[in-house]
PDB file of N, CA and C in Angstrom:
ATOM      1  N   MET A   1     -61.293  90.995  -5.467  1.00  0.00           N
ATOM      2  CA  MET A   1     -60.456  89.674  -5.617  1.00  0.00           C
ATOM      3  C   MET A   1     -61.007  89.308  -4.165  1.00  0.00           C
ATOM      4  N   ASN A   2     -61.218  87.773  -4.499  1.00  0.00           N
ATOM      5  CA  ASN A   2     -61.712  86.744  -3.534  1.00  0.00           C
ATOM      6  C   ASN A   2     -60.263  85.848  -3.162  1.00  0.00           C
ATOM      7  N   LEU A   3     -60.034  86.046  -1.830  1.00  0.00           N
ATOM      8  CA  LEU A   3     -59.262  85.407  -1.287  1.00  0.00           C
ATOM      9  C   LEU A   3     -59.578  84.220  -0.315  1.00  0.00           C
ATOM     10  N   HIS A   4     -59.101  82.851  -0.416  1.00  0.00           N
ATOM     11  CA  HIS A   4     -59.574  81.909  -0.030  1.00  0.00           C
ATOM     12  C   HIS A   4     -58.242  81.076   1.118  1.00  0.00           C
ATOM     13  N   LEU A   5     -58.283  81.378   2.339  1.00  0.00           N
ATOM     14  CA  LEU A   5     -57.025  80.615   2.873  1.00  0.00           C
ATOM     15  C   LEU A   5     -57.377  79.333   3.594  1.00  0.00           C
ATOM     16  N   THR A   6     -56.537  78.351   3.191  1.00  0.00           N
ATOM     17  CA  THR A   6     -57.012  77.307   3.791  1.00  0.00           C
ATOM     18  C   THR A   6     -55.750  76.603   4.523  1.00  0.00           C
ATOM     19  N   GLY A   7     -56.079  75.650   5.779  1.00  0.00           N
ATOM     20  CA  GLY A   7     -55.120  75.300   6.255  1.00  0.00           C
ATOM     21  C   GLY A   7     -54.983  73.861   6.641  1.00  0.00           C
ATOM     22  N   ARG A   8     -53.888  73.025   6.250  1.00  0.00           N
ATOM     23  CA  ARG A   8     -54.160  71.566   6.158  1.00  0.00           C
ATOM     24  C   ARG A   8     -52.859  71.435   7.275  1.00  0.00           C
ATOM     25  N   HIS A   9     -53.634  70.642   8.423  1.00  0.00           N
ATOM     26  CA  HIS A   9     -52.906  70.153   9.678  1.00  0.00           C
ATOM     27  C   HIS A   9     -52.510  71.650  10.583  1.00  0.00           C
ATOM     28  N   LEU A  10     -52.962  72.898  10.424  1.00  0.00           N
ATOM     29  CA  LEU A  10     -52.792  73.688  10.719  1.00  0.00           C
ATOM     30  C   LEU A  10     -54.278  74.352  11.000  1.00  0.00           C
ATOM     31  N   GLU A  11     -54.093  75.329  12.234  1.00  0.00           N
ATOM     32  CA  GLU A  11     -55.077  76.255  12.382  1.00  0.00           C
ATOM     33  C   GLU A  11     -54.377  77.956  12.131  1.00  0.00           C
ATOM     34  N   ILE A  12     -55.231  78.241  10.847  1.00  0.00           N
ATOM     35  CA  ILE A  12     -54.826  79.384  10.650  1.00  0.00           C
ATOM     36  C   ILE A  12     -55.359  80.864  11.538  1.00  0.00           C
ATOM     37  N   THR A  13     -54.210  81.316  12.216  1.00  0.00           N
ATOM     38  CA  THR A  13     -54.531  82.268  13.280  1.00  0.00           C
ATOM     39  C   THR A  13     -54.697  83.645  12.663  1.00  0.00           C
ATOM     40  N   PRO A  14     -54.853  84.422  13.340  1.00  0.00           N
ATOM     41  CA  PRO A  14     -55.734  85.973  12.822  1.00  0.00           C
ATOM     42  C   PRO A  14     -53.913  86.484  12.223  1.00  0.00           C
ATOM     43  N   ALA A  15     -53.061  86.218  12.939  1.00  0.00           N
ATOM     44  CA  ALA A  15     -51.731  86.863  12.805  1.00  0.00           C
ATOM     45  C   ALA A  15     -50.662  86.106  11.349  1.00  0.00           C
ATOM     46  N   ILE A  16     -51.125  84.994  11.199  1.00  0.00           N
ATOM     47  CA  ILE A  16     -51.193  84.376   9.612  1.00  0.00           C
ATOM     48  C   ILE A  16     -51.852  84.930   8.911  1.00  0.00           C
ATOM     49  N   ARG A  17     -53.198  85.272   9.203  1.00  0.00           N
ATOM     50  CA  ARG A  17     -53.807  85.635   7.910  1.00  0.00           C
ATOM     51  C   ARG A  17     -53.731  86.843   7.550  1.00  0.00           C
ATOM     52  N   ASP A  18     -53.581  87.973   8.678  1.00  0.00           N
ATOM     53  CA  ASP A  18     -52.965  89.161   8.172  1.00  0.00           C
ATOM     54  C   ASP A  18     -51.811  88.977   7.562  1.00  0.00           C
ATOM     55  N   TYR A  19     -50.682  88.327   7.984  1.00  0.00           N
ATOM     56  CA  TYR A  19     -49.795  88.650   6.969  1.00  0.00           C
ATOM     57  C   TYR A  19     -49.602  88.026   5.882  1.00  0.00           C
ATOM     58  N   ALA A  20     -50.505  87.012   5.461  1.00  0.00           N
ATOM     59  CA  ALA A  20     -50.986  86.646   3.552  1.00  0.00           C
ATOM     60  C   ALA A  20     -51.490  87.426   3.312  1.00  0.00           C
ATOM     61  N   THR A  21     -52.362  87.939   4.081  1.00  0.00           N
ATOM     62  CA  THR A  21     -53.149  89.080   2.988  1.00  0.00           C
ATOM     63  C   THR A  21     -52.466  90.188   2.588  1.00  0.00           C
ATOM     64  N   GLY A  22     -51.662  91.027   3.499  1.00  0.00           N
ATOM     65  CA  GLY A  22     -50.861  92.000   3.488  1.00  0.00           C
ATOM     66  C   GLY A  22     -49.978  91.725   2.562  1.00  0.00           C
ATOM     67  N   LYS A  23     -49.312  90.552   2.369  1.00  0.00           N
ATOM     68  CA  LYS A  23     -48.532  90.016   1.140  1.00  0.00           C
ATOM     69  C   LYS A  23     -48.969  89.869  -0.157  1.00  0.00           C
ATOM     70  N   ILE A  24     -50.376  89.427  -0.227  1.00  0.00           N
ATOM     71  CA  ILE A  24     -51.143  89.248  -1.240  1.00  0.00           C
ATOM     72  C   ILE A  24     -51.506  90.756  -2.311  1.00  0.00           C
ATOM     73  N   ASP A  25     -51.493  91.200  -1.297  1.00  0.00           N
ATOM     74  CA  ASP A  25     -51.989  92.691  -1.595  1.00  0.00           C
ATOM     75  C   ASP A  25     -50.629  93.522  -2.797  1.00  0.00           C
ATOM     76  N   LYS A  26     -49.391  92.981  -2.302  1.00  0.00           N
ATOM     77  CA  LYS A  26     -48.440  93.194  -3.210  1.00  0.00           C
ATOM     78  C   LYS A  26     -48.855  93.284  -4.932  1.00  0.00           C
ATOM     79  N   ILE A  27     -49.274  91.500  -4.948  1.00  0.00           N
ATOM     80  CA  ILE A  27     -49.773  91.505  -6.407  1.00  0.00           C
ATOM     81  C   ILE A  27     -50.741  92.510  -6.943  1.00  0.00           C
ATOM     82  N   LYS A  28     -51.553  92.633  -5.990  1.00  0.00           N
ATOM     83  CA  LYS A  28     -52.805  93.500  -6.293  1.00  0.00           C
ATOM     84  C   LYS A  28     -52.349  94.751  -7.015  1.00  0.00           C
ATOM     85  N   ARG A  29     -51.202  95.523  -6.222  1.00  0.00           N
ATOM     86  CA  ARG A  29     -51.128  96.244  -6.627  1.00  0.00           C
ATOM     87  C   ARG A  29     -50.168  96.550  -8.372  1.00  0.00           C
ATOM     88  N   HIS A  30     -49.475  95.570  -8.457  1.00  0.00           N
ATOM     89  CA  HIS A  30     -48.680  95.388  -9.959  1.00  0.00           C
ATOM     90  C   HIS A  30     -50.013  94.963 -10.976  1.00  0.00           C
ATOM     91  N   PHE A  31     -51.193  94.030 -10.336  1.00  0.00           N
ATOM     92  CA  PHE A  31     -52.107  93.707 -11.719  1.00  0.00           C
ATOM     93  C   PHE A  31     -53.029  93.833 -11.118  1.00  0.00           C
ATOM     94  N   ASP A  32     -54.008  94.419 -11.825  1.00  0.00           N
ATOM     95  CA  ASP A  32     -55.485  94.847 -10.924  1.00  0.00           C
ATOM     96  C   ASP A  32     -56.758  93.843 -11.847  1.00  0.00           C
ATOM     97  N   ASN A  33     -56.248  92.831 -12.262  1.00  0.00           N
ATOM     98  CA  ASN A  33     -56.806  92.255 -12.960  1.00  0.00           C
ATOM     99  C   ASN A  33     -56.883  90.720 -12.187  1.00  0.00           C
ATOM    100  N   VAL A  34     -56.910  90.489 -10.876  1.00  0.00           N
ATOM    101  CA  VAL A  34     -56.817  89.551 -10.230  1.00  0.00           C
ATOM    102  C   VAL A  34     -58.198  88.997  -9.384  1.00  0.00           C
ATOM    103  N   ILE A  35     -58.759  88.045  -9.861  1.00  0.00           N
ATOM    104  CA  ILE A  35     -59.906  87.600  -9.976  1.00  0.00           C
ATOM    105  C   ILE A  35     -60.115  86.966  -8.658  1.00  0.00           C
ATOM    106  N   ASP A  36     -59.262  85.610  -8.519  1.00  0.00           N
ATOM    107  CA  ASP A  36     -59.709  84.816  -7.051  1.00  0.00           C
ATOM    108  C   ASP A  36     -58.002  84.393  -6.597  1.00  0.00           C
ATOM    109  N   VAL A  37     -57.559  84.219  -5.573  1.00  0.00           N
ATOM    110  CA  VAL A  37     -56.699  83.882  -4.842  1.00  0.00           C
ATOM    111  C   VAL A  37     -57.103  82.860  -4.100  1.00  0.00           C
ATOM    112  N   ASN A  38     -56.557  81.404  -3.939  1.00  0.00           N
ATOM    113  CA  ASN A  38     -56.903  79.857  -3.352  1.00  0.00           C
ATOM    114  C   ASN A  38     -55.455  80.209  -2.963  1.00  0.00           C
ATOM    115  N   ILE A  39     -55.210  80.250  -1.504  1.00  0.00           N
ATOM    116  CA  ILE A  39     -53.622  79.779  -0.489  1.00  0.00           C
ATOM    117  C   ILE A  39     -53.830  78.577   0.304  1.00  0.00           C
ATOM    118  N   ILE A  40     -52.929  77.402   0.386  1.00  0.00           N
ATOM    119  CA  ILE A  40     -52.930  76.677   1.038  1.00  0.00           C
ATOM    120  C   ILE A  40     -51.997  76.690   1.619  1.00  0.00           C
ATOM    121  N   LEU A  41     -51.783  76.313   3.179  1.00  0.00           N
ATOM    122  CA  LEU A  41     -50.788  76.470   3.917  1.00  0.00           C
ATOM    123  C   LEU A  41     -51.051  75.043   4.689  1.00  0.00           C
ATOM    124  N   SER A  42     -49.763  74.524   4.689  1.00  0.00           N
ATOM    125  CA  SER A  42     -49.876  73.293   5.277  1.00  0.00           C
ATOM    126  C   SER A  42     -48.341  72.632   6.077  1.00  0.00           C
ATOM    127  N   VAL A  43     -48.349  72.059   6.969  1.00  0.00           N
ATOM    128  CA  VAL A  43     -47.334  71.205   7.925  1.00  0.00           C
ATOM    129  C   VAL A  43     -47.140  69.871   7.559  1.00  0.00           C
ATOM    130  N   GLU A  44     -45.635  69.584   6.799  1.00  0.00           N
ATOM    131  CA  GLU A  44     -45.450  68.165   6.978  1.00  0.00           C
ATOM    132  C   GLU A  44     -44.431  68.155   7.547  1.00  0.00           C
ATOM    133  N   LYS A  45     -44.200  67.338   8.477  1.00  0.00           N
ATOM    134  CA  LYS A  45     -43.206  67.156   9.300  1.00  0.00           C
ATOM    135  C   LYS A  45     -42.457  68.427   9.949  1.00  0.00           C
ATOM    136  N   LEU A  46     -41.133  68.535   9.498  1.00  0.00           N
ATOM    137  CA  LEU A  46     -40.613  69.820   9.633  1.00  0.00           C
ATOM    138  C   LEU A  46     -40.630  70.864   8.796  1.00  0.00           C
ATOM    139  N   LYS A  47     -41.804  70.615   7.651  1.00  0.00           N
ATOM    140  CA  LYS A  47     -41.536  71.387   6.478  1.00  0.00           C
ATOM    141  C   LYS A  47     -43.108  72.267   6.591  1.00  0.00           C
ATOM    142  N   GLN A  48     -42.796  73.936   6.030  1.00  0.00           N
ATOM    143  CA  GLN A  48     -43.726  74.398   6.020  1.00  0.00           C
ATOM    144  C   GLN A  48     -44.037  74.487   4.776  1.00  0.00           C
ATOM    145  N   LYS A  49     -45.127  74.456   4.253  1.00  0.00           N
ATOM    146  CA  LYS A  49     -45.485  74.490   2.803  1.00  0.00           C
ATOM    147  C   LYS A  49     -46.732  75.461   2.441  1.00  0.00           C
ATOM    148  N   ALA A  50     -46.505  76.366   1.070  1.00  0.00           N
ATOM    149  CA  ALA A  50     -47.228  77.257   1.053  1.00  0.00           C
ATOM    150  C   ALA A  50     -47.973  77.177  -0.143  1.00  0.00           C
ATOM    151  N   GLU A  51     -49.048  76.952  -0.790  1.00  0.00           N
ATOM    152  CA  GLU A  51     -49.378  76.675  -2.238  1.00  0.00           C
ATOM    153  C   GLU A  51     -50.375  77.952  -2.582  1.00  0.00           C
ATOM    154  N   ALA A  52     -50.134  78.239  -3.524  1.00  0.00           N
ATOM    155  CA  ALA A  52     -51.139  79.234  -4.210  1.00  0.00           C
ATOM    156  C   ALA A  52     -51.498  79.190  -5.854  1.00  0.00           C
ATOM    157  N   THR A  53     -53.073  79.589  -5.855  1.00  0.00           N
ATOM    158  CA  THR A  53     -53.536  79.524  -7.378  1.00  0.00           C
ATOM    159  C   THR A  53     -54.012  80.654  -7.556  1.00  0.00           C
ATOM    160  N   ILE A  54     -54.040  81.533  -8.365  1.00  0.00           N
ATOM    161  CA  ILE A  54     -54.023  82.911  -8.464  1.00  0.00           C
ATOM    162  C   ILE A  54     -55.027  82.950 -10.018  1.00  0.00           C
ATOM    163  N   HIS A  55     -56.170  83.156 -10.002  1.00  0.00           N
ATOM    164  CA  HIS A  55     -57.090  83.087 -11.053  1.00  0.00           C
ATOM    165  C   HIS A  55     -57.190  84.572 -11.764  1.00  0.00           C
ATOM    166  N   ILE A  56     -56.326  85.152 -12.712  1.00  0.00           N
ATOM    167  CA  ILE A  56     -56.247  86.256 -13.650  1.00  0.00           C
ATOM    168  C   ILE A  56     -56.766  86.000 -14.694  1.00  0.00           C
ATOM    169  N   SER A  57     -57.291  87.221 -15.232  1.00  0.00           N
ATOM    170  CA  SER A  57     -57.875  87.382 -16.657  1.00  0.00           C
ATOM    171  C   SER A  57     -57.073  86.955 -17.601  1.00  0.00           C
ATOM    172  N   GLY A  58     -57.371  85.242 -18.287  1.00  0.00           N
ATOM    173  CA  GLY A  58     -56.557  85.001 -19.370  1.00  0.00           C
ATOM    174  C   GLY A  58     -55.964  83.515 -18.771  1.00  0.00           C
ATOM    175  N   LYS A  59     -55.477  83.257 -17.475  1.00  0.00           N
ATOM    176  CA  LYS A  59     -54.834  82.307 -17.316  1.00  0.00           C
ATOM    177  C   LYS A  59     -54.752  82.106 -15.443  1.00  0.00           C
ATOM    178  N   ASP A  60     -54.277  80.875 -15.236  1.00  0.00           N
ATOM    179  CA  ASP A  60     -54.642  80.387 -13.959  1.00  0.00           C
ATOM    180  C   ASP A  60     -53.020  80.221 -13.599  1.00  0.00           C
ATOM    181  N   VAL A  61     -52.192  80.683 -12.510  1.00  0.00           N
ATOM    182  CA  VAL A  61     -51.199  80.524 -11.852  1.00  0.00           C
ATOM    183  C   VAL A  61     -51.078  79.871 -10.617  1.00  0.00           C
ATOM    184  N   PHE A  62     -50.207  78.958 -10.795  1.00  0.00           N
ATOM    185  CA  PHE A  62     -49.737  78.296  -9.800  1.00  0.00           C
ATOM    186  C   PHE A  62     -48.397  78.041  -8.989  1.00  0.00           C
ATOM    187  N   VAL A  63     -48.265  78.275  -7.701  1.00  0.00           N
ATOM    188  CA  VAL A  63     -46.788  78.307  -7.308  1.00  0.00           C
ATOM    189  C   VAL A  63     -46.891  77.670  -6.191  1.00  0.00           C
ATOM    190  N   GLU A  64     -45.829  76.870  -5.517  1.00  0.00           N
ATOM    191  CA  GLU A  64     -45.813  76.393  -4.057  1.00  0.00           C
ATOM    192  C   GLU A  64     -44.293  76.691  -3.940  1.00  0.00           C
ATOM    193  N   CYS A  65     -43.945  76.951  -2.472  1.00  0.00           N
ATOM    194  CA  CYS A  65     -42.848  76.990  -1.749  1.00  0.00           C
ATOM    195  C   CYS A  65     -42.774  76.419  -0.754  1.00  0.00           C
ATOM    196  N   GLU A  66     -42.011  75.609   0.207  1.00  0.00           N
ATOM    197  CA  GLU A  66     -41.311  75.123   0.892  1.00  0.00           C
ATOM    198  C   GLU A  66     -40.070  75.801   1.916  1.00  0.00           C
ATOM    199  N   ASP A  67     -40.367  75.728   3.278  1.00  0.00           N
ATOM    200  CA  ASP A  67     -39.384  76.125   3.977  1.00  0.00           C
ATOM    201  C   ASP A  67     -39.479  75.732   5.562  1.00  0.00           C
ATOM    202  N   GLU A  68     -38.792  75.971   6.423  1.00  0.00           N
ATOM    203  CA  GLU A  68     -38.624  75.641   7.995  1.00  0.00           C
ATOM    204  C   GLU A  68     -39.807  76.717   8.407  1.00  0.00           C
ATOM    205  N   ASN A  69     -39.737  77.939   8.109  1.00  0.00           N
ATOM    206  CA  ASN A  69     -40.429  78.861   8.761  1.00  0.00           C
ATOM    207  C   ASN A  69     -41.771  79.019   7.700  1.00  0.00           C
ATOM    208  N   LEU A  70     -42.690  78.996   8.359  1.00  0.00           N
ATOM    209  CA  LEU A  70     -44.086  79.436   7.559  1.00  0.00           C
ATOM    210  C   LEU A  70     -44.036  80.809   7.029  1.00  0.00           C
ATOM    211  N   TYR A  71     -43.275  81.645   7.963  1.00  0.00           N
ATOM    212  CA  TYR A  71     -43.340  83.014   7.227  1.00  0.00           C
ATOM    213  C   TYR A  71     -42.489  83.350   6.278  1.00  0.00           C
ATOM    214  N   ALA A  72     -41.581  82.510   5.870  1.00  0.00           N
ATOM    215  CA  ALA A  72     -40.234  82.635   5.386  1.00  0.00           C
ATOM    216  C   ALA A  72     -40.971  81.825   3.789  1.00  0.00           C
ATOM    217  N   ALA A  73     -41.578  80.766   3.678  1.00  0.00           N
ATOM    218  CA  ALA A  73     -42.233  80.138   2.859  1.00  0.00           C
ATOM    219  C   ALA A  73     -43.320  81.111   2.371  1.00  0.00           C
ATOM    220  N   ILE A  74     -44.475  81.819   2.736  1.00  0.00           N
ATOM    221  CA  ILE A  74     -45.381  82.775   2.780  1.00  0.00           C
ATOM    222  C   ILE A  74     -44.365  83.888   2.020  1.00  0.00           C
ATOM    223  N   ASP A  75     -43.344  84.499   2.081  1.00  0.00           N
ATOM    224  CA  ASP A  75     -43.027  85.546   1.177  1.00  0.00           C
ATOM    225  C   ASP A  75     -42.151  84.848   0.085  1.00  0.00           C
ATOM    226  N   ALA A  76     -41.587  83.888   0.097  1.00  0.00           N
ATOM    227  CA  ALA A  76     -40.805  83.242  -1.460  1.00  0.00           C
ATOM    228  C   ALA A  76     -42.289  83.199  -2.118  1.00  0.00           C
ATOM    229  N   LEU A  77     -43.347  82.533  -1.633  1.00  0.00           N
ATOM    230  CA  LEU A  77     -44.574  82.634  -2.369  1.00  0.00           C
ATOM    231  C   LEU A  77     -44.840  83.834  -2.939  1.00  0.00           C
ATOM    232  N   VAL A  78     -44.930  84.866  -2.548  1.00  0.00           N
ATOM    233  CA  VAL A  78     -45.416  85.776  -3.445  1.00  0.00           C
ATOM    234  C   VAL A  78     -44.261  86.153  -4.135  1.00  0.00           C
ATOM    235  N   ASP A  79     -42.976  86.298  -3.674  1.00  0.00           N
ATOM    236  CA  ASP A  79     -42.269  86.659  -4.705  1.00  0.00           C
ATOM    237  C   ASP A  79     -42.268  85.862  -5.624  1.00  0.00           C
ATOM    238  N   LYS A  80     -42.324  84.553  -5.682  1.00  0.00           N
ATOM    239  CA  LYS A  80     -42.552  83.899  -7.097  1.00  0.00           C
ATOM    240  C   LYS A  80     -43.987  84.132  -7.982  1.00  0.00           C
ATOM    241  N   LEU A  81     -44.964  84.697  -7.440  1.00  0.00           N
ATOM    242  CA  LEU A  81     -46.331  84.655  -7.493  1.00  0.00           C
ATOM    243  C   LEU A  81     -45.850  86.231  -8.501  1.00  0.00           C
ATOM    244  N   ASP A  82     -45.232  87.184  -7.723  1.00  0.00           N
ATOM    245  CA  ASP A  82     -45.359  88.540  -8.483  1.00  0.00           C
ATOM    246  C   ASP A  82     -44.408  88.284  -9.770  1.00  0.00           C
ATOM    247  N   ARG A  83     -43.197  87.335  -9.621  1.00  0.00           N
ATOM    248  CA  ARG A  83     -42.586  87.372 -10.936  1.00  0.00           C
ATOM    249  C   ARG A  83     -43.628  86.810 -12.071  1.00  0.00           C
ATOM    250  N   GLN A  84     -44.209  85.981 -11.364  1.00  0.00           N
ATOM    251  CA  GLN A  84     -45.524  85.168 -12.858  1.00  0.00           C
ATOM    252  C   GLN A  84     -46.079  86.119 -13.319  1.00  0.00           C
ATOM    253  N   VAL A  85     -47.273  87.093 -12.332  1.00  0.00           N
ATOM    254  CA  VAL A  85     -47.909  87.867 -12.938  1.00  0.00           C
ATOM    255  C   VAL A  85     -47.450  89.232 -13.572  1.00  0.00           C
ATOM    256  N   MET A  86     -46.324  89.330 -12.967  1.00  0.00           N
ATOM    257  CA  MET A  86     -45.682  90.902 -14.047  1.00  0.00           C
ATOM    258  C   MET A  86     -45.329  90.059 -15.087  1.00  0.00           C
ATOM    259  N   LYS A  87     -44.780  88.840 -15.345  1.00  0.00           N
ATOM    260  CA  LYS A  87     -44.089  88.409 -16.812  1.00  0.00           C
ATOM    261  C   LYS A  87     -45.758  88.033 -17.512  1.00  0.00           C
ATOM    262  N   HIS A  88     -47.014  87.864 -16.658  1.00  0.00           N
ATOM    263  CA  HIS A  88     -47.976  87.731 -17.913  1.00  0.00           C
ATOM    264  C   HIS A  88     -48.498  88.932 -17.886  1.00  0.00           C
ATOM    265  N   LYS A  89     -48.025  89.967 -17.147  1.00  0.00           N
ATOM    266  CA  LYS A  89     -48.679  91.481 -17.733  1.00  0.00           C
ATOM    267  C   LYS A  89     -47.751  92.109 -18.836  1.00  0.00           C
ATOM    268  N   GLU A  90     -46.470  91.945 -18.720  1.00  0.00           N
ATOM    269  CA  GLU A  90     -45.663  92.264 -20.091  1.00  0.00           C
ATOM    270  C   GLU A  90     -46.120  91.320 -21.130  1.00  0.00           C
ATOM    271  N   LYS A  91     -46.622  90.299 -21.275  1.00  0.00           N
ATOM    272  CA  LYS A  91     -46.924  89.395 -22.440  1.00  0.00           C
ATOM    273  C   LYS A  91     -48.413  90.097 -22.990  1.00  0.00           C
ATOM    274  N   LEU A  92     -48.877  90.211 -21.872  1.00  0.00           N
ATOM    275  CA  LEU A  92     -50.451  91.044 -22.189  1.00  0.00           C
ATOM    276  C   LEU A  92     -50.067  92.303 -23.138  1.00  0.00           C
ATOM    277  N   ALA A  93     -49.108  93.388 -22.285  1.00  0.00           N
ATOM    278  CA  ALA A  93     -48.543  94.080 -23.027  1.00  0.00           C
ATOM    279  C   ALA A  93     -47.882  94.424 -24.427  1.00  0.00           C
ATOM    280  N   ALA A  94     -47.386  93.454 -24.599  1.00  0.00           N
ATOM    281  CA  ALA A  94     -46.391  93.267 -26.230  1.00  0.00           C
ATOM    282  C   ALA A  94     -47.595  92.529 -26.674  1.00  0.00           C
ATOM    283  N   ARG A  95     -48.521  91.841 -26.666  1.00  0.00           N
ATOM    284  CA  ARG A  95     -49.688  91.334 -27.554  1.00  0.00           C
ATOM    285  C   ARG A  95     -50.363  92.712 -27.965  1.00  0.00           C
ATOM    286  N   ARG A  96     -50.360  93.550 -27.060  1.00  0.00           N
ATOM    287  CA  ARG A  96     -51.466  94.784 -27.460  1.00  0.00           C
ATOM    288  C   ARG A  96     -50.429  95.683 -28.850  1.00  0.00           C
ATOM    289  N   HIS A  97     -49.089  95.652 -28.447  1.00  0.00           N
ATOM    290  CA  HIS A  97     -48.284  96.159 -29.588  1.00  0.00           C
ATOM    291  C   HIS A  97     -47.770  95.634 -30.800  1.00  0.00           C
ATOM    292  N   ASP A  98     -47.754  94.284 -30.434  1.00  0.00           N
ATOM    293  CA  ASP A  98     -47.362  93.670 -31.600  1.00  0.00           C
ATOM    294  C   ASP A  98     -48.429  92.401 -32.072  1.00  0.00           C
ATOM    295  N   ASP A  99     -48.844  91.916 -33.108  1.00  0.00           N
ATOM    296  CA  ASP A  99     -49.980  91.106 -33.468  1.00  0.00           C
ATOM    297  C   ASP A  99     -49.114  89.475 -33.172  1.00  0.00           C
ATOM    298  N   SER A 100     -47.937  89.213 -33.023  1.00  0.00           N
ATOM    299  CA  SER A 100     -46.932  87.938 -32.480  1.00  0.00           C
ATOM    300  C   SER A 100     -47.250  87.654 -31.125  1.00  0.00           C
ATOM    301  N   GLY A 101     -47.528  88.292 -30.633  1.00  0.00           N
ATOM    302  CA  GLY A 101     -47.546  88.195 -28.690  1.00  0.00           C
ATOM    303  C   GLY A 101     -46.132  87.857 -28.326  1.00  0.00           C
ATOM    304  N   LYS A 102     -45.092  88.312 -28.917  1.00  0.00           N
ATOM    305  CA  LYS A 102     -43.744  88.064 -28.588  1.00  0.00           C
ATOM    306  C   LYS A 102     -42.986  89.055 -28.472  1.00  0.00           C
ATOM    307  N   HIS A 103     -42.165  89.667 -27.356  1.00  0.00           N
ATOM    308  CA  HIS A 103     -41.481  90.579 -27.254  1.00  0.00           C
ATOM    309  C   HIS A 103     -40.243  90.508 -28.307  1.00  0.00           C
ATOM    310  N   VAL A 104     -40.202  91.887 -29.130  1.00  0.00           N
ATOM    311  CA  VAL A 104     -39.074  91.651 -30.313  1.00  0.00           C
ATOM    312  C   VAL A 104     -37.684  92.334 -29.704  1.00  0.00           C
ATOM    313  N   ALA A 105     -36.775  91.935 -29.334  1.00  0.00           N
ATOM    314  CA  ALA A 105     -35.592  91.912 -29.199  1.00  0.00           C
ATOM    315  C   ALA A 105     -34.761  93.088 -30.288  1.00  0.00           C
ATOM    316  N   ALA A 106     -34.506  94.285 -29.568  1.00  0.00           N
ATOM    317  CA  ALA A 106     -33.370  95.108 -30.336  1.00  0.00           C
ATOM    318  C   ALA A 106     -32.171  94.398 -31.137  1.00  0.00           C
ATOM    319  N   GLU A 107     -32.404  94.794 -32.321  1.00  0.00           N
ATOM    320  CA  GLU A 107     -31.190  93.816 -33.114  1.00  0.00           C
ATOM    321  C   GLU A 107     -30.118  95.078 -33.276  1.00  0.00           C
ATOM    322  N   GLU A 108     -28.852  94.266 -32.903  1.00  0.00           N
ATOM    323  CA  GLU A 108     -27.796  94.811 -33.016  1.00  0.00           C
ATOM    324  C   GLU A 108     -27.009  95.297 -34.100  1.00  0.00           C
TER     325      GLU A 108
END
């Protein structure tokens, strides 16, 4: 997994780098096929913004979050990424078991 961390109007300190790297490892635990991760952290007046693009096998996932605190923005970013990666993983598993690629709901 390649990790690129970029700061716009912000210097990436070792503490921020370690925090973001530790959080991204959560996604790596849930889905092994993560190829590339690009994270852009920026400051716009009073808003801290975190954006991420993840290249996984078969799809690119883009997420962005804003917060007053940069660490809270990174936390929200990782939560959103985790949900999207898990959704993609479920779709891949469903495609293996069903030719249509959609989940088949249990009929009552």
